[in-house]
Amino acid sequence: MQVAAEKVFCSADAVLCAARAQTAFPARPAAGKNDADKPEFPMLTLAQAQTILQNALSHAGSNGFKPLAIAVLDARGAQKTFAAQDGTSLKRGEIALGKAHGAVALGIGSRAIHKMALDRPYFVEAATHAVGGSLVPVPGGVLIRSPEGALLGAVGISGDTSDNDEAAACAGIAAAGLKADTGA
């Protein structure tokens, strides 16, 4: 009798998982002749990530910022590009990754995560634990959105003030023709 109940439970879980998957990733119409090279869902390309990185560095250089570490992640949280300028301090790379990873993991810019950390510290502490410690709740983690608003990834920057880190990220994203979402 107990085995049958477990089978029903597993079956209900499978249905719930399938329903969630359809909600998260709705079916798309079949691709047309000219759509063969287009991804099924909007994606951050390597070329876009490199443009963001180079223009964030250029913005930082033009404004006299301290040496930066810059991480660009796609919407899955996979690293697309990373750079640490000469002279940046030892752990800036991990901080930049934490800003970007936190933004992607929670779906909000790290400026909003910072506010959340002040208003609801237990939630941010739990979220940080849930993502394995890779969440830095200060400005400088900016979501990358398509012109239509789809989430493509995030940029995390560390090395100067949090406001300057965020400004460099926004400049890089704008140069790629994409929308920056700081969470403000």
N, C-alpha and C. Protein backbone atom coordinates (compact mmCIF):
# COMPACT_ATOMS: atom_id res chain seq x y z
N MET A 1 0.82 -1.20 0.00
CA MET A 1 0.00 0.00 0.00
C MET A 1 0.86 1.25 0.00
N GLN A 2 1.93 1.23 0.78
CA GLN A 2 2.81 2.39 0.85
C GLN A 2 3.51 2.61 -0.49
N VAL A 3 3.87 1.54 -1.18
CA VAL A 3 4.54 1.66 -2.47
C VAL A 3 3.63 2.36 -3.47
N ALA A 4 2.36 2.01 -3.49
CA ALA A 4 1.43 2.65 -4.40
C ALA A 4 1.32 4.14 -4.12
N ALA A 5 1.32 4.52 -2.85
CA ALA A 5 1.25 5.94 -2.50
C ALA A 5 2.49 6.67 -2.98
N GLU A 6 3.65 6.01 -2.87
CA GLU A 6 4.88 6.64 -3.35
C GLU A 6 4.84 6.83 -4.86
N LYS A 7 4.28 5.86 -5.58
CA LYS A 7 4.18 5.99 -7.03
C LYS A 7 3.29 7.16 -7.42
N VAL A 8 2.19 7.32 -6.71
CA VAL A 8 1.29 8.44 -6.98
C VAL A 8 2.01 9.75 -6.69
N PHE A 9 2.75 9.79 -5.57
CA PHE A 9 3.49 10.99 -5.21
C PHE A 9 4.51 11.34 -6.30
N CYS A 10 5.27 10.34 -6.75
CA CYS A 10 6.26 10.59 -7.81
C CYS A 10 5.58 11.04 -9.08
N SER A 11 4.46 10.43 -9.38
CA SER A 11 3.73 10.79 -10.58
C SER A 11 3.24 12.24 -10.50
N ALA A 12 2.75 12.64 -9.34
CA ALA A 12 2.31 14.02 -9.16
C ALA A 12 3.48 14.98 -9.28
N ASP A 13 4.63 14.59 -8.73
CA ASP A 13 5.83 15.42 -8.87
C ASP A 13 6.22 15.58 -10.34
N ALA A 14 6.13 14.50 -11.09
CA ALA A 14 6.50 14.56 -12.51
C ALA A 14 5.58 15.51 -13.26
N VAL A 15 4.29 15.45 -12.96
CA VAL A 15 3.33 16.35 -13.60
C VAL A 15 3.63 17.80 -13.23
N LEU A 16 3.92 18.04 -11.95
CA LEU A 16 4.24 19.39 -11.50
C LEU A 16 5.50 19.90 -12.18
N CYS A 17 6.53 19.05 -12.28
CA CYS A 17 7.77 19.47 -12.95
C CYS A 17 7.51 19.79 -14.42
N ALA A 18 6.71 18.96 -15.08
CA ALA A 18 6.41 19.21 -16.49
C ALA A 18 5.65 20.52 -16.66
N ALA A 19 4.71 20.77 -15.76
CA ALA A 19 3.94 22.02 -15.83
C ALA A 19 4.84 23.23 -15.62
N ARG A 20 5.77 23.13 -14.66
CA ARG A 20 6.69 24.23 -14.42
C ARG A 20 7.60 24.46 -15.63
N ALA A 21 8.05 23.38 -16.24
CA ALA A 21 8.93 23.51 -17.40
C ALA A 21 8.21 24.21 -18.55
N GLN A 22 6.94 23.88 -18.76
CA GLN A 22 6.19 24.52 -19.84
C GLN A 22 5.97 26.00 -19.55
N THR A 23 5.77 26.34 -18.28
CA THR A 23 5.59 27.74 -17.91
C THR A 23 6.88 28.52 -18.10
N ALA A 24 8.00 27.94 -17.67
CA ALA A 24 9.28 28.63 -17.77
C ALA A 24 9.75 28.74 -19.21
N PHE A 25 9.48 27.70 -20.00
CA PHE A 25 9.95 27.68 -21.38
C PHE A 25 8.78 27.32 -22.30
N PRO A 26 7.91 28.28 -22.60
CA PRO A 26 6.74 27.99 -23.42
C PRO A 26 7.15 27.55 -24.82
N ALA A 27 6.29 26.74 -25.42
CA ALA A 27 6.56 26.25 -26.77
C ALA A 27 6.62 27.42 -27.74
N ARG A 28 7.50 27.32 -28.72
CA ARG A 28 7.64 28.35 -29.75
C ARG A 28 7.10 27.80 -31.06
N PRO A 29 6.64 28.68 -31.93
CA PRO A 29 6.22 28.21 -33.24
C PRO A 29 7.42 27.65 -33.99
N ALA A 30 7.13 26.77 -34.93
CA ALA A 30 8.20 26.18 -35.73
C ALA A 30 8.98 27.27 -36.46
N ALA A 31 10.27 27.05 -36.60
CA ALA A 31 11.13 28.04 -37.27
C ALA A 31 10.81 28.09 -38.75
N GLY A 32 10.85 29.29 -39.31
CA GLY A 32 10.65 29.48 -40.74
C GLY A 32 11.96 29.29 -41.49
N LYS A 33 11.94 29.50 -42.80
CA LYS A 33 13.14 29.31 -43.62
C LYS A 33 14.30 30.18 -43.15
N ASN A 34 14.04 31.42 -42.78
CA ASN A 34 15.11 32.35 -42.42
C ASN A 34 15.48 32.29 -40.94
N ASP A 35 14.83 31.42 -40.18
CA ASP A 35 15.06 31.36 -38.74
C ASP A 35 16.03 30.25 -38.34
N ALA A 36 16.63 29.55 -39.28
CA ALA A 36 17.47 28.40 -38.97
C ALA A 36 18.63 28.74 -38.05
N ASP A 37 19.20 29.93 -38.18
CA ASP A 37 20.36 30.29 -37.38
C ASP A 37 20.00 31.02 -36.09
N LYS A 38 18.74 31.30 -35.87
CA LYS A 38 18.34 32.03 -34.67
C LYS A 38 18.15 31.04 -33.51
N PRO A 39 18.64 31.39 -32.33
CA PRO A 39 18.40 30.51 -31.18
C PRO A 39 16.93 30.51 -30.81
N GLU A 40 16.48 29.41 -30.19
CA GLU A 40 15.08 29.31 -29.79
C GLU A 40 14.70 30.40 -28.80
N PHE A 41 15.62 30.73 -27.89
CA PHE A 41 15.41 31.78 -26.91
C PHE A 41 16.51 32.81 -27.08
N PRO A 42 16.24 34.08 -26.77
CA PRO A 42 17.29 35.10 -26.90
C PRO A 42 18.51 34.71 -26.07
N MET A 43 19.68 34.87 -26.65
CA MET A 43 20.92 34.51 -25.96
C MET A 43 21.92 35.65 -26.05
N LEU A 44 22.76 35.76 -25.04
CA LEU A 44 23.87 36.69 -25.08
C LEU A 44 24.97 36.03 -25.89
N THR A 45 25.39 36.68 -26.96
CA THR A 45 26.45 36.10 -27.79
C THR A 45 27.82 36.45 -27.22
N LEU A 46 28.81 35.70 -27.64
CA LEU A 46 30.18 35.99 -27.23
C LEU A 46 30.59 37.37 -27.73
N ALA A 47 30.19 37.72 -28.95
CA ALA A 47 30.54 39.04 -29.49
C ALA A 47 29.92 40.15 -28.64
N GLN A 48 28.67 39.98 -28.22
CA GLN A 48 28.04 40.98 -27.35
C GLN A 48 28.76 41.07 -26.01
N ALA A 49 29.11 39.92 -25.43
CA ALA A 49 29.81 39.91 -24.15
C ALA A 49 31.17 40.60 -24.26
N GLN A 50 31.87 40.36 -25.36
CA GLN A 50 33.17 41.01 -25.56
C GLN A 50 33.00 42.52 -25.75
N THR A 51 31.95 42.94 -26.45
CA THR A 51 31.67 44.37 -26.62
C THR A 51 31.40 45.01 -25.26
N ILE A 52 30.60 44.35 -24.44
CA ILE A 52 30.31 44.87 -23.10
C ILE A 52 31.59 45.02 -22.30
N LEU A 53 32.41 43.99 -22.31
CA LEU A 53 33.67 44.00 -21.55
C LEU A 53 34.58 45.14 -22.02
N GLN A 54 34.81 45.24 -23.31
CA GLN A 54 35.72 46.26 -23.84
C GLN A 54 35.22 47.67 -23.56
N ASN A 55 33.92 47.89 -23.70
CA ASN A 55 33.38 49.23 -23.48
C ASN A 55 33.29 49.59 -22.01
N ALA A 56 33.11 48.61 -21.15
CA ALA A 56 33.17 48.88 -19.71
C ALA A 56 34.58 49.29 -19.32
N LEU A 57 35.58 48.60 -19.87
CA LEU A 57 36.98 48.97 -19.62
C LEU A 57 37.29 50.36 -20.16
N SER A 58 36.78 50.66 -21.35
CA SER A 58 37.00 51.97 -21.95
C SER A 58 36.38 53.08 -21.10
N HIS A 59 35.16 52.85 -20.62
CA HIS A 59 34.49 53.82 -19.76
C HIS A 59 35.30 54.05 -18.49
N ALA A 60 35.78 52.97 -17.91
CA ALA A 60 36.58 53.08 -16.68
C ALA A 60 37.86 53.86 -16.92
N GLY A 61 38.53 53.59 -18.04
CA GLY A 61 39.76 54.30 -18.37
C GLY A 61 39.53 55.77 -18.62
N SER A 62 38.46 56.09 -19.33
CA SER A 62 38.14 57.48 -19.64
C SER A 62 37.79 58.30 -18.40
N ASN A 63 37.33 57.61 -17.36
CA ASN A 63 36.90 58.30 -16.15
C ASN A 63 37.86 58.14 -14.98
N GLY A 64 39.03 57.58 -15.23
CA GLY A 64 40.05 57.47 -14.20
C GLY A 64 39.72 56.51 -13.07
N PHE A 65 38.96 55.46 -13.36
CA PHE A 65 38.61 54.48 -12.33
C PHE A 65 39.84 53.67 -11.93
N LYS A 66 39.80 53.10 -10.75
CA LYS A 66 40.83 52.16 -10.30
C LYS A 66 40.74 50.89 -11.16
N PRO A 67 41.78 50.04 -11.15
CA PRO A 67 41.73 48.80 -11.94
C PRO A 67 40.52 47.94 -11.55
N LEU A 68 39.88 47.39 -12.58
CA LEU A 68 38.64 46.63 -12.40
C LEU A 68 38.80 45.16 -12.76
N ALA A 69 37.94 44.36 -12.17
CA ALA A 69 37.68 42.99 -12.62
C ALA A 69 36.26 42.99 -13.15
N ILE A 70 36.07 42.37 -14.32
CA ILE A 70 34.76 42.39 -14.98
C ILE A 70 34.40 40.97 -15.39
N ALA A 71 33.22 40.54 -15.00
CA ALA A 71 32.70 39.23 -15.38
C ALA A 71 31.38 39.43 -16.13
N VAL A 72 31.24 38.74 -17.26
CA VAL A 72 29.99 38.77 -18.02
C VAL A 72 29.46 37.35 -18.07
N LEU A 73 28.24 37.17 -17.57
CA LEU A 73 27.59 35.86 -17.54
C LEU A 73 26.37 35.87 -18.45
N ASP A 74 26.02 34.70 -18.99
CA ASP A 74 24.78 34.60 -19.74
C ASP A 74 23.63 34.32 -18.77
N ALA A 75 22.43 34.17 -19.29
CA ALA A 75 21.25 34.01 -18.44
C ALA A 75 21.27 32.72 -17.62
N ARG A 76 22.07 31.74 -18.04
CA ARG A 76 22.20 30.50 -17.27
C ARG A 76 23.19 30.65 -16.13
N GLY A 77 23.94 31.76 -16.14
CA GLY A 77 25.00 31.94 -15.15
C GLY A 77 26.35 31.45 -15.63
N ALA A 78 26.42 31.04 -16.89
CA ALA A 78 27.69 30.58 -17.46
C ALA A 78 28.55 31.78 -17.84
N GLN A 79 29.83 31.68 -17.54
CA GLN A 79 30.75 32.79 -17.81
C GLN A 79 31.01 32.90 -19.31
N LYS A 80 30.78 34.11 -19.86
CA LYS A 80 31.06 34.38 -21.27
C LYS A 80 32.41 35.05 -21.44
N THR A 81 32.70 36.06 -20.61
CA THR A 81 34.00 36.74 -20.65
C THR A 81 34.38 37.16 -19.24
N PHE A 82 35.68 37.35 -19.06
CA PHE A 82 36.20 37.83 -17.78
C PHE A 82 37.52 38.53 -18.05
N ALA A 83 37.75 39.61 -17.32
CA ALA A 83 39.05 40.29 -17.38
C ALA A 83 39.33 40.93 -16.04
N ALA A 84 40.59 40.89 -15.65
CA ALA A 84 41.05 41.61 -14.46
C ALA A 84 42.20 42.49 -14.92
N GLN A 85 42.03 43.79 -14.76
CA GLN A 85 43.06 44.73 -15.18
C GLN A 85 44.30 44.58 -14.30
N ASP A 86 45.44 44.93 -14.88
CA ASP A 86 46.68 44.96 -14.11
C ASP A 86 46.49 45.88 -12.92
N GLY A 87 46.93 45.42 -11.75
CA GLY A 87 46.86 46.24 -10.56
C GLY A 87 45.61 46.06 -9.72
N THR A 88 44.66 45.25 -10.20
CA THR A 88 43.48 45.01 -9.38
C THR A 88 43.85 44.13 -8.20
N SER A 89 43.14 44.27 -7.11
CA SER A 89 43.49 43.50 -5.91
C SER A 89 43.05 42.04 -6.06
N LEU A 90 43.57 41.21 -5.19
CA LEU A 90 43.51 39.76 -5.30
C LEU A 90 42.12 39.17 -5.52
N LYS A 91 41.14 39.55 -4.78
CA LYS A 91 39.83 38.89 -4.83
C LYS A 91 38.76 39.66 -5.61
N ARG A 92 39.16 40.67 -6.35
CA ARG A 92 38.18 41.45 -7.12
C ARG A 92 37.45 40.60 -8.15
N GLY A 93 38.12 39.63 -8.72
CA GLY A 93 37.47 38.75 -9.69
C GLY A 93 36.32 37.98 -9.08
N GLU A 94 36.54 37.42 -7.90
CA GLU A 94 35.48 36.68 -7.22
C GLU A 94 34.32 37.59 -6.83
N ILE A 95 34.65 38.82 -6.44
CA ILE A 95 33.59 39.78 -6.09
C ILE A 95 32.78 40.14 -7.33
N ALA A 96 33.45 40.39 -8.46
CA ALA A 96 32.75 40.69 -9.71
C ALA A 96 31.84 39.53 -10.10
N LEU A 97 32.36 38.31 -10.02
CA LEU A 97 31.54 37.14 -10.33
C LEU A 97 30.34 37.03 -9.39
N GLY A 98 30.55 37.32 -8.11
CA GLY A 98 29.46 37.27 -7.14
C GLY A 98 28.38 38.30 -7.41
N LYS A 99 28.78 39.48 -7.85
CA LYS A 99 27.78 40.50 -8.20
C LYS A 99 26.95 40.05 -9.39
N ALA A 100 27.61 39.55 -10.44
CA ALA A 100 26.90 39.09 -11.64
C ALA A 100 26.05 37.86 -11.33
N HIS A 101 26.63 36.91 -10.61
CA HIS A 101 25.91 35.67 -10.30
C HIS A 101 24.68 35.94 -9.45
N GLY A 102 24.81 36.81 -8.46
CA GLY A 102 23.67 37.15 -7.62
C GLY A 102 22.55 37.78 -8.43
N ALA A 103 22.92 38.67 -9.36
CA ALA A 103 21.91 39.32 -10.20
C ALA A 103 21.17 38.29 -11.05
N VAL A 104 21.90 37.39 -11.70
CA VAL A 104 21.27 36.36 -12.53
C VAL A 104 20.44 35.41 -11.66
N ALA A 105 20.99 35.00 -10.53
CA ALA A 105 20.31 34.02 -9.67
C ALA A 105 18.98 34.55 -9.14
N LEU A 106 18.93 35.83 -8.79
CA LEU A 106 17.70 36.40 -8.24
C LEU A 106 16.87 37.15 -9.27
N GLY A 107 17.45 37.39 -10.45
CA GLY A 107 16.71 38.08 -11.51
C GLY A 107 16.53 39.56 -11.28
N ILE A 108 17.40 40.14 -10.44
CA ILE A 108 17.35 41.58 -10.18
C ILE A 108 18.78 42.11 -10.08
N GLY A 109 18.96 43.37 -10.43
CA GLY A 109 20.28 43.97 -10.32
C GLY A 109 20.76 44.01 -8.87
N SER A 110 22.07 44.06 -8.69
CA SER A 110 22.60 43.98 -7.33
C SER A 110 22.33 45.24 -6.50
N ARG A 111 21.95 46.34 -7.13
CA ARG A 111 21.52 47.51 -6.35
C ARG A 111 20.24 47.15 -5.58
N ALA A 112 19.33 46.43 -6.23
CA ALA A 112 18.10 45.98 -5.55
C ALA A 112 18.43 44.93 -4.50
N ILE A 113 19.41 44.08 -4.78
CA ILE A 113 19.81 43.08 -3.78
C ILE A 113 20.40 43.78 -2.56
N HIS A 114 21.14 44.86 -2.78
CA HIS A 114 21.70 45.63 -1.67
C HIS A 114 20.57 46.19 -0.79
N LYS A 115 19.56 46.76 -1.43
CA LYS A 115 18.42 47.29 -0.67
C LYS A 115 17.73 46.16 0.08
N MET A 116 17.58 45.03 -0.58
CA MET A 116 16.96 43.87 0.04
C MET A 116 17.77 43.40 1.26
N ALA A 117 19.10 43.46 1.15
CA ALA A 117 19.97 43.05 2.26
C ALA A 117 19.76 43.96 3.47
N LEU A 118 19.49 45.23 3.22
CA LEU A 118 19.21 46.16 4.32
C LEU A 118 17.83 45.92 4.92
N ASP A 119 16.84 45.67 4.05
CA ASP A 119 15.45 45.51 4.49
C ASP A 119 15.14 44.11 5.00
N ARG A 120 15.73 43.10 4.35
CA ARG A 120 15.44 41.70 4.69
C ARG A 120 16.74 40.89 4.74
N PRO A 121 17.58 41.16 5.73
CA PRO A 121 18.89 40.52 5.76
C PRO A 121 18.84 38.99 5.81
N TYR A 122 17.83 38.43 6.47
CA TYR A 122 17.76 36.97 6.56
C TYR A 122 17.51 36.35 5.19
N PHE A 123 16.70 37.01 4.37
CA PHE A 123 16.44 36.49 3.03
C PHE A 123 17.73 36.48 2.20
N VAL A 124 18.45 37.58 2.21
CA VAL A 124 19.68 37.65 1.41
C VAL A 124 20.72 36.67 1.94
N GLU A 125 20.78 36.50 3.24
CA GLU A 125 21.69 35.50 3.81
C GLU A 125 21.32 34.10 3.33
N ALA A 126 20.03 33.78 3.35
CA ALA A 126 19.57 32.47 2.88
C ALA A 126 19.83 32.29 1.39
N ALA A 127 19.58 33.33 0.59
CA ALA A 127 19.83 33.26 -0.85
C ALA A 127 21.32 33.07 -1.12
N THR A 128 22.16 33.76 -0.38
CA THR A 128 23.61 33.61 -0.54
C THR A 128 24.01 32.18 -0.25
N HIS A 129 23.46 31.60 0.79
CA HIS A 129 23.75 30.20 1.12
C HIS A 129 23.25 29.28 0.01
N ALA A 130 22.04 29.55 -0.50
CA ALA A 130 21.44 28.70 -1.53
C ALA A 130 22.26 28.68 -2.82
N VAL A 131 22.93 29.77 -3.14
CA VAL A 131 23.73 29.82 -4.38
C VAL A 131 25.20 29.50 -4.11
N GLY A 132 25.48 28.92 -2.97
CA GLY A 132 26.84 28.49 -2.68
C GLY A 132 27.79 29.61 -2.31
N GLY A 133 27.25 30.71 -1.81
CA GLY A 133 28.09 31.82 -1.36
C GLY A 133 28.43 32.82 -2.43
N SER A 134 28.06 32.55 -3.67
CA SER A 134 28.42 33.44 -4.78
C SER A 134 27.34 34.48 -5.02
N LEU A 135 27.16 35.37 -4.06
CA LEU A 135 26.20 36.46 -4.18
C LEU A 135 26.76 37.62 -3.38
N VAL A 136 27.05 38.71 -4.06
CA VAL A 136 27.61 39.89 -3.40
C VAL A 136 26.57 41.00 -3.49
N PRO A 137 25.93 41.35 -2.36
CA PRO A 137 24.79 42.28 -2.38
C PRO A 137 25.16 43.76 -2.33
N VAL A 138 25.92 44.20 -3.31
CA VAL A 138 26.25 45.63 -3.44
C VAL A 138 26.16 46.02 -4.91
N PRO A 139 25.91 47.29 -5.23
CA PRO A 139 25.83 47.71 -6.63
C PRO A 139 27.09 47.35 -7.42
N GLY A 140 26.86 47.08 -8.71
CA GLY A 140 27.94 46.68 -9.60
C GLY A 140 27.61 45.39 -10.33
N GLY A 141 26.48 44.77 -9.99
CA GLY A 141 25.95 43.62 -10.72
C GLY A 141 24.72 44.07 -11.48
N VAL A 142 24.82 44.13 -12.80
CA VAL A 142 23.77 44.72 -13.63
C VAL A 142 23.25 43.67 -14.60
N LEU A 143 21.92 43.50 -14.64
CA LEU A 143 21.31 42.58 -15.59
C LEU A 143 21.44 43.12 -17.00
N ILE A 144 21.62 42.22 -17.94
CA ILE A 144 21.66 42.55 -19.37
C ILE A 144 20.34 42.09 -19.97
N ARG A 145 19.63 43.02 -20.58
CA ARG A 145 18.35 42.68 -21.21
C ARG A 145 18.40 43.02 -22.70
N SER A 146 17.65 42.26 -23.48
CA SER A 146 17.52 42.54 -24.90
C SER A 146 16.74 43.84 -25.06
N PRO A 147 16.73 44.43 -26.25
CA PRO A 147 15.91 45.63 -26.46
C PRO A 147 14.43 45.39 -26.15
N GLU A 148 13.98 44.13 -26.26
CA GLU A 148 12.59 43.79 -25.95
C GLU A 148 12.38 43.49 -24.47
N GLY A 149 13.46 43.43 -23.69
CA GLY A 149 13.35 43.21 -22.25
C GLY A 149 13.66 41.81 -21.77
N ALA A 150 14.01 40.89 -22.68
CA ALA A 150 14.33 39.52 -22.27
C ALA A 150 15.67 39.49 -21.53
N LEU A 151 15.75 38.68 -20.48
CA LEU A 151 16.98 38.55 -19.72
C LEU A 151 18.01 37.77 -20.52
N LEU A 152 19.18 38.39 -20.73
CA LEU A 152 20.27 37.75 -21.47
C LEU A 152 21.42 37.34 -20.57
N GLY A 153 21.58 37.99 -19.41
CA GLY A 153 22.69 37.69 -18.53
C GLY A 153 22.93 38.82 -17.56
N ALA A 154 24.18 38.93 -17.09
CA ALA A 154 24.54 39.99 -16.15
C ALA A 154 26.02 40.30 -16.25
N VAL A 155 26.36 41.53 -15.90
CA VAL A 155 27.75 41.97 -15.78
C VAL A 155 28.00 42.23 -14.30
N GLY A 156 29.13 41.77 -13.81
CA GLY A 156 29.56 42.11 -12.46
C GLY A 156 30.90 42.79 -12.54
N ILE A 157 31.04 43.92 -11.86
CA ILE A 157 32.30 44.67 -11.88
C ILE A 157 32.68 45.02 -10.46
N SER A 158 33.98 44.90 -10.16
CA SER A 158 34.50 45.28 -8.86
C SER A 158 35.88 45.89 -9.03
N GLY A 159 36.18 46.88 -8.20
CA GLY A 159 37.51 47.49 -8.23
C GLY A 159 37.50 48.94 -7.82
N ASP A 160 36.44 49.65 -8.15
CA ASP A 160 36.31 51.06 -7.78
C ASP A 160 35.14 51.15 -6.80
N THR A 161 34.53 52.31 -6.66
CA THR A 161 33.34 52.39 -5.81
C THR A 161 32.23 51.59 -6.48
N SER A 162 31.27 51.15 -5.70
CA SER A 162 30.15 50.38 -6.27
C SER A 162 29.40 51.18 -7.33
N ASP A 163 29.22 52.48 -7.11
CA ASP A 163 28.54 53.31 -8.10
C ASP A 163 29.34 53.38 -9.41
N ASN A 164 30.66 53.51 -9.31
CA ASN A 164 31.49 53.54 -10.52
C ASN A 164 31.51 52.18 -11.21
N ASP A 165 31.55 51.10 -10.43
CA ASP A 165 31.48 49.75 -11.01
C ASP A 165 30.20 49.62 -11.82
N GLU A 166 29.09 50.06 -11.24
CA GLU A 166 27.79 49.99 -11.91
C GLU A 166 27.76 50.86 -13.17
N ALA A 167 28.33 52.05 -13.10
CA ALA A 167 28.36 52.95 -14.26
C ALA A 167 29.13 52.33 -15.41
N ALA A 168 30.25 51.68 -15.12
CA ALA A 168 31.03 51.02 -16.17
C ALA A 168 30.24 49.88 -16.79
N ALA A 169 29.53 49.11 -15.97
CA ALA A 169 28.70 48.02 -16.49
C ALA A 169 27.61 48.56 -17.41
N CYS A 170 26.95 49.61 -16.98
CA CYS A 170 25.88 50.22 -17.79
C CYS A 170 26.41 50.74 -19.12
N ALA A 171 27.59 51.36 -19.10
CA ALA A 171 28.20 51.87 -20.33
C ALA A 171 28.51 50.73 -21.29
N GLY A 172 29.04 49.64 -20.77
CA GLY A 172 29.34 48.49 -21.62
C GLY A 172 28.10 47.89 -22.24
N ILE A 173 27.05 47.75 -21.45
CA ILE A 173 25.80 47.18 -21.94
C ILE A 173 25.18 48.08 -23.01
N ALA A 174 25.17 49.38 -22.77
CA ALA A 174 24.60 50.32 -23.75
C ALA A 174 25.37 50.27 -25.06
N ALA A 175 26.70 50.14 -24.99
CA ALA A 175 27.52 50.09 -26.21
C ALA A 175 27.20 48.86 -27.06
N ALA A 176 26.68 47.81 -26.42
CA ALA A 176 26.31 46.60 -27.15
C ALA A 176 24.89 46.68 -27.70
N GLY A 177 24.23 47.82 -27.49
CA GLY A 177 22.86 47.99 -27.98
C GLY A 177 21.83 47.26 -27.14
N LEU A 178 22.18 46.99 -25.89
CA LEU A 178 21.30 46.25 -24.99
C LEU A 178 20.87 47.14 -23.83
N LYS A 179 19.93 46.66 -23.03
CA LYS A 179 19.41 47.45 -21.90
C LYS A 179 20.03 46.99 -20.59
N ALA A 180 20.45 47.97 -19.78
CA ALA A 180 20.99 47.70 -18.45
C ALA A 180 19.86 47.78 -17.43
N ASP A 181 19.85 46.83 -16.49
CA ASP A 181 18.86 46.80 -15.41
C ASP A 181 19.61 46.71 -14.09
N THR A 182 19.75 47.85 -13.42
CA THR A 182 20.53 47.91 -12.18
C THR A 182 19.73 47.45 -10.96
N GLY A 183 18.43 47.42 -11.10
CA GLY A 183 17.58 47.09 -9.96
C GLY A 183 17.16 48.32 -9.18
N ALA A 184 17.49 49.51 -9.71
CA ALA A 184 17.12 50.76 -9.02
C ALA A 184 15.64 51.02 -9.13
